[in-house]
C-alpha atoms as a PDB file:
ATOM      1  CA  MET A   1      -6.495 -24.746 -15.204  1.00  0.00           C
ATOM      2  CA  SER A   2      -7.992 -22.520 -17.835  1.00  0.00           C
ATOM      3  CA  GLU A   3      -7.164 -18.830 -18.120  1.00  0.00           C
ATOM      4  CA  ALA A   4     -10.763 -17.975 -17.207  1.00  0.00           C
ATOM      5  CA  ARG A   5     -10.488 -19.959 -13.956  1.00  0.00           C
ATOM      6  CA  LEU A   6      -7.151 -18.312 -13.151  1.00  0.00           C
ATOM      7  CA  VAL A   7      -8.642 -14.846 -13.735  1.00  0.00           C
ATOM      8  CA  LYS A   8     -11.616 -15.678 -11.472  1.00  0.00           C
ATOM      9  CA  SER A   9      -9.246 -16.882  -8.740  1.00  0.00           C
ATOM     10  CA  ILE A  10      -7.143 -13.723  -8.976  1.00  0.00           C
ATOM     11  CA  GLN A  11     -10.265 -11.543  -8.913  1.00  0.00           C
ATOM     12  CA  ARG A  12     -11.504 -13.393  -5.818  1.00  0.00           C
ATOM     13  CA  LEU A  13      -8.127 -12.858  -4.137  1.00  0.00           C
ATOM     14  CA  ALA A  14      -8.114  -9.167  -5.070  1.00  0.00           C
ATOM     15  CA  SER A  15     -11.617  -8.777  -3.646  1.00  0.00           C
ATOM     16  CA  ALA A  16     -10.663 -10.516  -0.397  1.00  0.00           C
ATOM     17  CA  LEU A  17      -7.551  -8.348  -0.051  1.00  0.00           C
ATOM     18  CA  ALA A  18      -9.536  -5.169  -0.731  1.00  0.00           C
ATOM     19  CA  LYS A  19     -12.087  -6.164   1.930  1.00  0.00           C
ATOM     20  CA  GLN A  20      -9.317  -6.825   4.434  1.00  0.00           C
ATOM     21  CA  GLU A  21      -7.698  -3.465   3.657  1.00  0.00           C
ATOM     22  CA  ARG A  22     -11.020  -1.648   4.129  1.00  0.00           C
ATOM     23  CA  GLN A  23     -11.630  -3.377   7.469  1.00  0.00           C
ATOM     24  CA  THR A  24      -8.129  -2.700   8.755  1.00  0.00           C
ATOM     25  CA  ALA A  25      -8.162   0.947   7.671  1.00  0.00           C
ATOM     26  CA  ALA A  26     -11.640   1.570   9.094  1.00  0.00           C
ATOM     27  CA  GLY A  27     -10.570   0.040  12.401  1.00  0.00           C
ATOM     28  CA  PHE A  28      -7.968   2.783  12.730  1.00  0.00           C
ATOM     29  CA  GLY A  29     -10.077   5.650  11.362  1.00  0.00           C
ATOM     30  CA  VAL A  30      -8.251   6.112   8.054  1.00  0.00           C
ATOM     31  CA  SER A  31      -9.080   5.381   4.427  1.00  0.00           C
ATOM     32  CA  VAL A  32      -7.381   2.643   2.428  1.00  0.00           C
ATOM     33  CA  SER A  33      -5.470   5.313   0.466  1.00  0.00           C
ATOM     34  CA  GLN A  34      -4.289   6.902   3.699  1.00  0.00           C
ATOM     35  CA  MET A  35      -3.285   3.494   5.092  1.00  0.00           C
ATOM     36  CA  ARG A  36      -1.239   2.755   1.969  1.00  0.00           C
ATOM     37  CA  LEU A  37       0.348   6.190   2.189  1.00  0.00           C
ATOM     38  CA  LEU A  38       1.330   5.672   5.827  1.00  0.00           C
ATOM     39  CA  SER A  39       2.795   2.292   4.911  1.00  0.00           C
ATOM     40  CA  SER A  40       4.801   3.789   2.060  1.00  0.00           C
ATOM     41  CA  LEU A  41       6.190   6.549   4.266  1.00  0.00           C
ATOM     42  CA  GLU A  42       7.043   4.008   6.968  1.00  0.00           C
ATOM     43  CA  THR A  43       8.890   1.851   4.452  1.00  0.00           C
ATOM     44  CA  THR A  44      10.964   4.664   2.958  1.00  0.00           C
ATOM     45  CA  GLN A  45      11.682   6.283   6.351  1.00  0.00           C
ATOM     46  CA  ALA A  46      12.726   9.462   4.549  1.00  0.00           C
ATOM     47  CA  PRO A  47      10.886  12.615   3.554  1.00  0.00           C
ATOM     48  CA  ALA A  48       9.049  12.096   0.275  1.00  0.00           C
ATOM     49  CA  ARG A  49       7.887  14.529  -2.375  1.00  0.00           C
ATOM     50  CA  ILE A  50       4.135  14.776  -2.846  1.00  0.00           C
ATOM     51  CA  SER A  51       4.370  14.205  -6.606  1.00  0.00           C
ATOM     52  CA  ASP A  52       6.478  11.067  -6.065  1.00  0.00           C
ATOM     53  CA  LEU A  53       3.949   9.701  -3.574  1.00  0.00           C
ATOM     54  CA  ALA A  54       1.094  10.424  -5.976  1.00  0.00           C
ATOM     55  CA  THR A  55       2.865   8.572  -8.789  1.00  0.00           C
ATOM     56  CA  GLU A  56       3.720   5.629  -6.538  1.00  0.00           C
ATOM     57  CA  GLN A  57       0.149   5.327  -5.286  1.00  0.00           C
ATOM     58  CA  GLY A  58      -1.426   5.898  -8.708  1.00  0.00           C
ATOM     59  CA  LEU A  59      -3.303   8.994  -7.536  1.00  0.00           C
ATOM     60  CA  ALA A  60      -3.645  12.513  -8.848  1.00  0.00           C
ATOM     61  CA  VAL A  61      -1.486  15.054  -7.015  1.00  0.00           C
ATOM     62  CA  SER A  62      -4.654  16.855  -5.864  1.00  0.00           C
ATOM     63  CA  THR A  63      -6.003  13.631  -4.332  1.00  0.00           C
ATOM     64  CA  MET A  64      -2.669  12.969  -2.662  1.00  0.00           C
ATOM     65  CA  THR A  65      -2.616  16.523  -1.308  1.00  0.00           C
ATOM     66  CA  ARG A  66      -6.088  16.034   0.231  1.00  0.00           C
ATOM     67  CA  ASN A  67      -5.039  12.732   1.851  1.00  0.00           C
ATOM     68  CA  LEU A  68      -1.885  14.345   3.202  1.00  0.00           C
ATOM     69  CA  ALA A  69      -3.843  17.287   4.601  1.00  0.00           C
ATOM     70  CA  LEU A  70      -6.191  14.940   6.467  1.00  0.00           C
ATOM     71  CA  LEU A  71      -3.287  12.949   7.894  1.00  0.00           C
ATOM     72  CA  GLU A  72      -1.487  16.154   8.825  1.00  0.00           C
ATOM     73  CA  GLU A  73      -4.616  17.455  10.629  1.00  0.00           C
ATOM     74  CA  LYS A  74      -4.663  14.234  12.658  1.00  0.00           C
ATOM     75  CA  GLY A  75      -0.990  14.726  13.525  1.00  0.00           C
ATOM     76  CA  PHE A  76       0.267  11.670  11.636  1.00  0.00           C
ATOM     77  CA  LEU A  77       2.680  13.502   9.362  1.00  0.00           C
ATOM     78  CA  ARG A  78       4.385  16.811   8.869  1.00  0.00           C
ATOM     79  CA  ARG A  79       5.402  18.835   5.851  1.00  0.00           C
ATOM     80  CA  VAL A  80       9.066  19.730   5.505  1.00  0.00           C
ATOM     81  CA  PRO A  81      10.468  22.425   3.184  1.00  0.00           C
ATOM     82  CA  GLY A  82      12.873  21.012   0.610  1.00  0.00           C
ATOM     83  CA  ALA A  83      16.525  21.268   1.570  1.00  0.00           C
ATOM     84  CA  ASP A  84      17.685  22.408  -1.881  1.00  0.00           C
ATOM     85  CA  ASP A  85      14.570  24.194  -3.109  1.00  0.00           C
ATOM     86  CA  LYS A  86      12.232  25.853  -0.602  1.00  0.00           C
ATOM     87  CA  ARG A  87       9.388  25.631  -3.144  1.00  0.00           C
ATOM     88  CA  THR A  88       9.547  21.858  -2.883  1.00  0.00           C
ATOM     89  CA  VAL A  89       7.660  20.348   0.025  1.00  0.00           C
ATOM     90  CA  THR A  90       8.270  16.871   1.350  1.00  0.00           C
ATOM     91  CA  VAL A  91       6.319  14.935   3.950  1.00  0.00           C
ATOM     92  CA  GLU A  92       7.424  12.585   6.685  1.00  0.00           C
ATOM     93  CA  LEU A  93       5.711  10.630   9.418  1.00  0.00           C
ATOM     94  CA  SER A  94       5.407  12.110  12.871  1.00  0.00           C
ATOM     95  CA  GLU A  95       5.974   9.841  15.873  1.00  0.00           C
ATOM     96  CA  SER A  96       2.234   9.175  16.117  1.00  0.00           C
ATOM     97  CA  GLY A  97       2.133   8.510  12.373  1.00  0.00           C
ATOM     98  CA  ARG A  98       5.001   6.054  12.672  1.00  0.00           C
ATOM     99  CA  ALA A  99       3.175   4.326  15.539  1.00  0.00           C
ATOM    100  CA  LEU A 100      -0.047   4.146  13.533  1.00  0.00           C
ATOM    101  CA  ALA A 101       1.753   2.782  10.465  1.00  0.00           C
ATOM    102  CA  ALA A 102       3.332   0.080  12.648  1.00  0.00           C
ATOM    103  CA  LYS A 103      -0.060  -0.836  14.148  1.00  0.00           C
ATOM    104  CA  LEU A 104      -1.607  -1.052  10.676  1.00  0.00           C
ATOM    105  CA  SER A 105       1.227  -3.266   9.490  1.00  0.00           C
ATOM    106  CA  ASP A 106       1.021  -5.489  12.578  1.00  0.00           C
ATOM    107  CA  THR A 107      -2.749  -5.835  12.131  1.00  0.00           C
ATOM    108  CA  ASN A 108      -2.380  -6.842   8.485  1.00  0.00           C
ATOM    109  CA  ILE A 109       0.336  -9.368   9.321  1.00  0.00           C
ATOM    110  CA  ALA A 110      -1.790 -10.825  12.135  1.00  0.00           C
ATOM    111  CA  ARG A 111      -4.784 -11.203   9.811  1.00  0.00           C
ATOM    112  CA  PHE A 112      -2.664 -12.944   7.192  1.00  0.00           C
ATOM    113  CA  ALA A 113      -1.122 -15.186   9.849  1.00  0.00           C
ATOM    114  CA  GLN A 114      -4.622 -16.177  10.919  1.00  0.00           C
ATOM    115  CA  ALA A 115      -5.652 -16.862   7.329  1.00  0.00           C
ATOM    116  CA  PHE A 116      -2.576 -18.998   6.649  1.00  0.00           C
ATOM    117  CA  ARG A 117      -2.481 -20.793   9.994  1.00  0.00           C
ATOM    118  CA  GLY A 118      -3.613 -24.045   8.346  1.00  0.00           C
ATOM    119  CA  PHE A 119      -0.892 -23.946   5.679  1.00  0.00           C
ATOM    120  CA  HIS A 120       2.341 -25.842   6.128  1.00  0.00           C
ATOM    121  CA  PRO A 121       5.371 -23.458   6.111  1.00  0.00           C
ATOM    122  CA  THR A 122       6.552 -24.967   2.817  1.00  0.00           C
ATOM    123  CA  ASP A 123       3.129 -24.290   1.281  1.00  0.00           C
ATOM    124  CA  ARG A 124       3.384 -20.654   2.397  1.00  0.00           C
ATOM    125  CA  VAL A 125       6.698 -20.228   0.604  1.00  0.00           C
ATOM    126  CA  GLU A 126       5.422 -21.930  -2.560  1.00  0.00           C
ATOM    127  CA  ARG A 127       2.315 -19.765  -2.633  1.00  0.00           C
ATOM    128  CA  ALA A 128       4.351 -16.596  -2.091  1.00  0.00           C
ATOM    129  CA  VAL A 129       6.586 -17.531  -5.017  1.00  0.00           C
ATOM    130  CA  ALA A 130       3.558 -18.295  -7.201  1.00  0.00           C
ATOM    131  CA  LEU A 131       1.866 -15.005  -6.290  1.00  0.00           C
ATOM    132  CA  ASP A 132       5.066 -13.084  -7.042  1.00  0.00           C
ATOM    133  CA  ARG A 133       5.197 -14.748 -10.454  1.00  0.00           C
ATOM    134  CA  VAL A 134       1.563 -13.839 -11.165  1.00  0.00           C
ATOM    135  CA  ALA A 135       2.154 -10.218 -10.110  1.00  0.00           C
ATOM    136  CA  ALA A 136       5.307 -10.000 -12.247  1.00  0.00           C
ATOM    137  CA  ALA A 137       3.467 -11.436 -15.271  1.00  0.00           C
ATOM    138  CA  ILE A 138       0.653  -8.905 -14.897  1.00  0.00           C
ATOM    139  CA  GLU A 139       3.126  -6.038 -14.426  1.00  0.00           C
ATOM    140  CA  LYS A 140       4.983  -7.152 -17.538  1.00  0.00           C
ATOM    141  CA  ILE A 141       1.779  -6.930 -19.572  1.00  0.00           C
ATOM    142  CA  ASP A 142       1.084  -3.466 -18.146  1.00  0.00           C
ATOM    143  CA  ASP A 143       4.585  -2.343 -19.174  1.00  0.00           C
ATOM    144  CA  GLU A 144       4.289  -3.570 -22.775  1.00  0.00           C
ATOM    145  CA  PRO A 145       3.110  -1.129 -25.453  1.00  0.00           C
ATOM    146  CA  GLU A 146      -0.448  -1.537 -26.729  1.00  0.00           C
ATOM    147  CA  GLY A 147      -0.860  -4.049 -29.560  1.00  0.00           C
ATOM    148  CA  SER A 148       2.266  -6.081 -28.720  1.00  0.00           C
END
């Protein structure tokens, strides 16, 4: 397979994943960024600093702050003063936020299960390994200095 064909396949996959994310998020009344944020907070299960969340999600702190404010207004998270430094604010999921994050995760897993229903379990494992290798190769390029 040529590199051009591989790139086209990856772009098609990325487009399909983005469409699925948009549909899932819209079904629960949140944006894709907010869905990813809820998922991240569910995974860490600990209060997180706004700047750390912004870095993790690849967003500006101001954008992250807006997303957090919208989720806070809906009752999905709460702000917590820092334990060591009161100027530092962390955020954590509320019970309803935890429930929503779980529903979002379950919905995504169900959609993937439906998509992969026709694959033999061994094929699923092989494809997961291949996708991990592709992601790692792309991340490695992103981590290398320009001109290397």
